[in-house]
C-alpha atoms as a PDB file:
ATOM      1  CA  MET A   1      26.573   8.836 -40.783  1.00  0.00           C
ATOM      2  CA  THR A   2      25.336   6.558 -38.409  1.00  0.00           C
ATOM      3  CA  GLU A   3      21.808   4.674 -38.777  1.00  0.00           C
ATOM      4  CA  LYS A   4      19.395   5.197 -35.989  1.00  0.00           C
ATOM      5  CA  LEU A   5      18.810   2.056 -34.206  1.00  0.00           C
ATOM      6  CA  PRO A   6      15.046   1.220 -33.738  1.00  0.00           C
ATOM      7  CA  HIS A   7      13.861   2.433 -30.517  1.00  0.00           C
ATOM      8  CA  ALA A   8      11.599   0.020 -28.165  1.00  0.00           C
ATOM      9  CA  SER A   9       8.898   1.956 -26.454  1.00  0.00           C
ATOM     10  CA  PRO A  10       5.593   2.639 -26.706  1.00  0.00           C
ATOM     11  CA  HIS A  11       5.753   5.385 -28.715  1.00  0.00           C
ATOM     12  CA  THR A  12       7.290   3.519 -31.646  1.00  0.00           C
ATOM     13  CA  SER A  13       5.897   4.513 -35.029  1.00  0.00           C
ATOM     14  CA  PRO A  14       2.161   3.322 -36.697  1.00  0.00           C
ATOM     15  CA  HIS A  15       3.632   0.370 -37.844  1.00  0.00           C
ATOM     16  CA  SER A  16       4.539  -1.550 -34.916  1.00  0.00           C
ATOM     17  CA  SER A  17       2.412  -4.514 -34.368  1.00  0.00           C
ATOM     18  CA  GLY A  18       0.484  -5.118 -31.406  1.00  0.00           C
ATOM     19  CA  ASP A  19       2.356  -8.111 -30.429  1.00  0.00           C
ATOM     20  CA  ASP A  20       5.436  -5.758 -30.123  1.00  0.00           C
ATOM     21  CA  GLN A  21       3.466  -3.314 -28.038  1.00  0.00           C
ATOM     22  CA  LEU A  22       2.065  -6.681 -25.908  1.00  0.00           C
ATOM     23  CA  ALA A  23       5.833  -7.824 -25.808  1.00  0.00           C
ATOM     24  CA  LEU A  24       7.322  -4.206 -24.436  1.00  0.00           C
ATOM     25  CA  ALA A  25       4.611  -4.086 -21.948  1.00  0.00           C
ATOM     26  CA  ARG A  26       5.246  -7.617 -21.068  1.00  0.00           C
ATOM     27  CA  GLN A  27       8.699  -6.678 -20.576  1.00  0.00           C
ATOM     28  CA  THR A  28       8.371  -3.412 -19.033  1.00  0.00           C
ATOM     29  CA  ALA A  29       5.634  -5.280 -16.054  1.00  0.00           C
ATOM     30  CA  LEU A  30       7.956  -7.505 -15.365  1.00  0.00           C
ATOM     31  CA  ARG A  31      10.687  -5.333 -15.194  1.00  0.00           C
ATOM     32  CA  ARG A  32       8.882  -3.699 -12.663  1.00  0.00           C
ATOM     33  CA  LEU A  33       7.868  -6.732 -10.642  1.00  0.00           C
ATOM     34  CA  ASP A  34      11.667  -7.836 -10.468  1.00  0.00           C
ATOM     35  CA  ARG A  35      12.151  -4.301  -8.399  1.00  0.00           C
ATOM     36  CA  ARG A  36       9.582  -5.182  -6.059  1.00  0.00           C
ATOM     37  CA  GLU A  37       5.918  -6.677  -5.243  1.00  0.00           C
ATOM     38  CA  CYS A  38       3.268  -4.799  -6.879  1.00  0.00           C
ATOM     39  CA  SER A  39      -0.439  -4.914  -7.123  1.00  0.00           C
ATOM     40  CA  THR A  40      -2.707  -5.414 -10.070  1.00  0.00           C
ATOM     41  CA  GLY A  41      -3.315  -1.153  -9.714  1.00  0.00           C
ATOM     42  CA  ASP A  42       0.401  -0.703  -9.555  1.00  0.00           C
ATOM     43  CA  ILE A  43       1.357  -2.430 -12.617  1.00  0.00           C
ATOM     44  CA  SER A  44      -1.796  -1.184 -14.556  1.00  0.00           C
ATOM     45  CA  GLU A  45      -1.120   2.698 -13.611  1.00  0.00           C
ATOM     46  CA  CYS A  46       2.613   2.127 -14.840  1.00  0.00           C
ATOM     47  CA  LEU A  47       1.641   0.775 -18.242  1.00  0.00           C
ATOM     48  CA  ARG A  48      -0.620   3.635 -18.301  1.00  0.00           C
ATOM     49  CA  ARG A  49       1.616   5.890 -17.707  1.00  0.00           C
ATOM     50  CA  LYS A  50       3.803   4.643 -20.525  1.00  0.00           C
ATOM     51  CA  LYS A  51       1.207   5.428 -22.668  1.00  0.00           C
ATOM     52  CA  PHE A  52       0.183   1.532 -23.624  1.00  0.00           C
ATOM     53  CA  PRO A  53      -3.268   0.687 -25.157  1.00  0.00           C
ATOM     54  CA  ALA A  54      -5.739  -0.299 -22.649  1.00  0.00           C
ATOM     55  CA  ASP A  55      -6.456  -3.498 -24.360  1.00  0.00           C
ATOM     56  CA  ILE A  56      -2.924  -4.367 -24.258  1.00  0.00           C
ATOM     57  CA  ILE A  57      -2.897  -3.284 -20.618  1.00  0.00           C
ATOM     58  CA  THR A  58      -5.350  -5.645 -19.339  1.00  0.00           C
ATOM     59  CA  GLN A  59      -4.014  -8.488 -21.169  1.00  0.00           C
ATOM     60  CA  VAL A  60      -0.755  -8.152 -19.628  1.00  0.00           C
ATOM     61  CA  VAL A  61      -2.301  -7.935 -16.265  1.00  0.00           C
ATOM     62  CA  GLN A  62      -4.785 -10.850 -16.455  1.00  0.00           C
ATOM     63  CA  GLU A  63      -1.634 -12.707 -18.059  1.00  0.00           C
ATOM     64  CA  LEU A  64       0.627 -11.951 -14.945  1.00  0.00           C
ATOM     65  CA  VAL A  65      -2.496 -12.782 -12.653  1.00  0.00           C
ATOM     66  CA  ASP A  66      -2.958 -16.322 -13.982  1.00  0.00           C
ATOM     67  CA  ARG A  67       1.152 -17.057 -13.870  1.00  0.00           C
ATOM     68  CA  LYS A  68       0.951 -15.790  -9.796  1.00  0.00           C
ATOM     69  CA  TYR A  69       3.286 -13.228 -10.617  1.00  0.00           C
ATOM     70  CA  ILE A  70       0.843 -10.726  -9.250  1.00  0.00           C
ATOM     71  CA  ASN A  71      -1.121 -11.665  -6.301  1.00  0.00           C
ATOM     72  CA  ASN A  72      -3.404  -8.565  -4.215  1.00  0.00           C
ATOM     73  CA  GLU A  73      -4.346 -10.659  -1.459  1.00  0.00           C
ATOM     74  CA  LYS A  74      -0.252 -10.968  -0.411  1.00  0.00           C
ATOM     75  CA  TYR A  75       0.571  -7.767  -1.322  1.00  0.00           C
ATOM     76  CA  SER A  76      -2.351  -6.433   1.174  1.00  0.00           C
ATOM     77  CA  ARG A  77      -0.742  -8.601   3.802  1.00  0.00           C
ATOM     78  CA  ILE A  78       2.565  -7.110   3.080  1.00  0.00           C
ATOM     79  CA  VAL A  79       1.547  -3.966   3.203  1.00  0.00           C
ATOM     80  CA  ALA A  80      -0.546  -4.492   6.641  1.00  0.00           C
ATOM     81  CA  ARG A  81       2.513  -5.916   7.965  1.00  0.00           C
ATOM     82  CA  GLU A  82       4.694  -2.786   7.173  1.00  0.00           C
ATOM     83  CA  GLN A  83       2.413  -0.362   8.039  1.00  0.00           C
ATOM     84  CA  THR A  84       1.541  -1.648  11.315  1.00  0.00           C
ATOM     85  CA  LEU A  85       5.007  -2.659  12.249  1.00  0.00           C
ATOM     86  CA  ARG A  86       5.511   1.855  11.160  1.00  0.00           C
ATOM     87  CA  GLY A  87       2.417   2.530  13.838  1.00  0.00           C
ATOM     88  CA  LYS A  88      -0.597   3.259  11.328  1.00  0.00           C
ATOM     89  CA  GLY A  89      -4.050   2.305  11.773  1.00  0.00           C
ATOM     90  CA  PRO A  90      -6.713   0.380   9.737  1.00  0.00           C
ATOM     91  CA  ASN A  91      -7.882   3.854   8.225  1.00  0.00           C
ATOM     92  CA  TRP A  92      -4.153   4.206   6.965  1.00  0.00           C
ATOM     93  CA  ILE A  93      -3.715   0.705   5.478  1.00  0.00           C
ATOM     94  CA  ARG A  94      -7.002   1.086   4.184  1.00  0.00           C
ATOM     95  CA  MET A  95      -6.464   4.620   2.105  1.00  0.00           C
ATOM     96  CA  LYS A  96      -2.827   2.341   1.505  1.00  0.00           C
ATOM     97  CA  LEU A  97      -4.381  -0.044  -0.436  1.00  0.00           C
ATOM     98  CA  LYS A  98      -6.848   2.079  -2.143  1.00  0.00           C
ATOM     99  CA  GLN A  99      -3.999   3.957  -3.642  1.00  0.00           C
ATOM    100  CA  LYS A 100      -2.271   0.711  -4.599  1.00  0.00           C
ATOM    101  CA  GLY A 101      -5.344  -0.187  -6.463  1.00  0.00           C
ATOM    102  CA  ILE A 102      -7.200  -2.567  -3.794  1.00  0.00           C
ATOM    103  CA  VAL A 103     -10.094  -1.822  -1.899  1.00  0.00           C
ATOM    104  CA  ALA A 104     -10.907  -3.515   1.389  1.00  0.00           C
ATOM    105  CA  GLU A 105     -13.669  -3.438   3.736  1.00  0.00           C
ATOM    106  CA  ARG A 106     -12.849  -2.309   7.325  1.00  0.00           C
ATOM    107  CA  GLY A 107     -13.665  -5.625   8.890  1.00  0.00           C
ATOM    108  CA  ALA A 108     -11.282  -7.154   6.280  1.00  0.00           C
ATOM    109  CA  ILE A 109      -8.758  -4.757   6.833  1.00  0.00           C
ATOM    110  CA  GLU A 110      -9.114  -5.427  10.539  1.00  0.00           C
ATOM    111  CA  THR A 111      -8.431  -9.264  10.164  1.00  0.00           C
ATOM    112  CA  LEU A 112      -5.299  -9.180   7.826  1.00  0.00           C
ATOM    113  CA  ILE A 113      -4.048  -6.910  10.741  1.00  0.00           C
ATOM    114  CA  GLN A 114      -4.646  -9.403  13.155  1.00  0.00           C
ATOM    115  CA  GLU A 115      -3.417 -11.995  10.860  1.00  0.00           C
ATOM    116  CA  VAL A 116      -0.011 -10.364   9.976  1.00  0.00           C
ATOM    117  CA  THR A 117       0.900  -9.487  13.254  1.00  0.00           C
ATOM    118  CA  GLU A 118       0.865 -10.023  16.895  1.00  0.00           C
ATOM    119  CA  THR A 119      -0.467  -7.044  18.591  1.00  0.00           C
ATOM    120  CA  SER A 120      -3.997  -5.327  18.929  1.00  0.00           C
ATOM    121  CA  GLU A 121      -4.965  -1.898  17.122  1.00  0.00           C
ATOM    122  CA  LEU A 122      -5.296  -0.559  20.935  1.00  0.00           C
ATOM    123  CA  ASP A 123      -1.568  -1.584  21.298  1.00  0.00           C
ATOM    124  CA  THR A 124      -0.367  -0.675  18.364  1.00  0.00           C
ATOM    125  CA  ALA A 125      -1.846   2.880  19.898  1.00  0.00           C
ATOM    126  CA  ARG A 126      -0.220   2.880  22.849  1.00  0.00           C
ATOM    127  CA  ALA A 127       3.114   2.086  21.880  1.00  0.00           C
ATOM    128  CA  VAL A 128       2.817   5.142  19.249  1.00  0.00           C
ATOM    129  CA  LEU A 129       1.795   7.179  22.684  1.00  0.00           C
ATOM    130  CA  CYS A 130       4.616   5.325  24.473  1.00  0.00           C
ATOM    131  CA  ARG A 131       7.023   6.536  21.943  1.00  0.00           C
ATOM    132  CA  ARG A 132       6.034   9.887  20.665  1.00  0.00           C
ATOM    133  CA  TYR A 133       3.965  11.531  23.916  1.00  0.00           C
ATOM    134  CA  PRO A 134       4.856   9.969  27.104  1.00  0.00           C
ATOM    135  CA  GLN A 135       3.510  13.231  28.688  1.00  0.00           C
ATOM    136  CA  ALA A 136       0.118  12.768  27.010  1.00  0.00           C
ATOM    137  CA  ARG A 137      -1.608  11.839  30.316  1.00  0.00           C
ATOM    138  CA  ALA A 138       0.195  14.308  32.827  1.00  0.00           C
ATOM    139  CA  ASN A 139      -0.400  17.112  30.484  1.00  0.00           C
ATOM    140  CA  PRO A 140      -4.126  17.824  28.422  1.00  0.00           C
ATOM    141  CA  VAL A 141      -2.417  20.058  25.688  1.00  0.00           C
ATOM    142  CA  ILE A 142       0.084  17.038  24.918  1.00  0.00           C
ATOM    143  CA  GLY A 143      -2.899  14.820  25.378  1.00  0.00           C
ATOM    144  CA  LYS A 144      -5.167  16.398  22.735  1.00  0.00           C
ATOM    145  CA  LYS A 145      -2.048  16.804  20.144  1.00  0.00           C
ATOM    146  CA  ALA A 146      -1.268  12.424  21.104  1.00  0.00           C
ATOM    147  CA  ILE A 147      -4.875  12.084  19.998  1.00  0.00           C
ATOM    148  CA  GLN A 148      -5.319  13.957  16.957  1.00  0.00           C
ATOM    149  CA  ALA A 149      -1.617  12.365  15.749  1.00  0.00           C
ATOM    150  CA  LEU A 150      -3.411   8.756  16.130  1.00  0.00           C
ATOM    151  CA  LEU A 151      -5.841   9.661  14.167  1.00  0.00           C
ATOM    152  CA  ARG A 152      -3.632  11.351  11.143  1.00  0.00           C
ATOM    153  CA  ARG A 153      -2.211   7.916  11.346  1.00  0.00           C
ATOM    154  CA  GLY A 154      -5.612   6.054  10.438  1.00  0.00           C
ATOM    155  CA  PHE A 155      -6.558   5.273  14.423  1.00  0.00           C
ATOM    156  CA  SER A 156     -10.216   5.666  14.935  1.00  0.00           C
ATOM    157  CA  TYR A 157     -11.408   7.959  17.689  1.00  0.00           C
ATOM    158  CA  GLY A 158     -12.571   5.576  20.297  1.00  0.00           C
ATOM    159  CA  VAL A 159      -9.391   3.733  20.016  1.00  0.00           C
ATOM    160  CA  ALA A 160      -7.417   6.444  20.162  1.00  0.00           C
ATOM    161  CA  ARG A 161      -8.960   7.754  23.525  1.00  0.00           C
ATOM    162  CA  GLU A 162      -9.037   4.451  24.722  1.00  0.00           C
ATOM    163  CA  ALA A 163      -5.028   4.234  24.355  1.00  0.00           C
ATOM    164  CA  LEU A 164      -4.667   7.524  25.825  1.00  0.00           C
ATOM    165  CA  ALA A 165      -7.065   6.308  28.982  1.00  0.00           C
ATOM    166  CA  SER A 166      -5.490   3.251  29.554  1.00  0.00           C
ATOM    167  CA  PHE A 167      -1.727   4.812  28.756  1.00  0.00           C
ATOM    168  CA  ASP A 168      -0.501   5.201  32.386  1.00  0.00           C
ATOM    169  CA  LEU A 169      -2.130   2.236  33.636  1.00  0.00           C
ATOM    170  CA  ASP A 170       0.711   0.555  30.968  1.00  0.00           C
ATOM    171  CA  LEU A 171       3.629   2.558  32.352  1.00  0.00           C
ATOM    172  CA  GLY A 172       2.521   1.527  36.682  1.00  0.00           C
END
């Protein structure tokens, strides 16, 4: 008969000590960080899904922040750059950061976008129009679709209208 080895999981018996759970939570968080950059919200959610107690989650996240393994500002820059390069607007980026547990004001997002990219919000919107809707200015139906697409991508209505209005001027 084979003996069962103890399995390290947050669901261990009630006899498992807090130190064991803390070490396991720390190991789980570090494994997650080893794969990719994360925010405090990402790590908290990962540990919550693994059913670690709230006090252990708080302690591990604070430890990782203190050791500078997690930096929400750096993570925000990465997300802003990545989403801007994909043609997303400030509203989309703000929503993406909120999903990751980072709440940012509109002005802060726009400043962040300008810091990490060389293009303005209007230039990004124009690039999307040029790539996806080259006939937007010539055909009003396509123009409406283009504006709706820009709105879905997180651009404001004003920026979408301005991008469409100045679109054909850039082509000439």
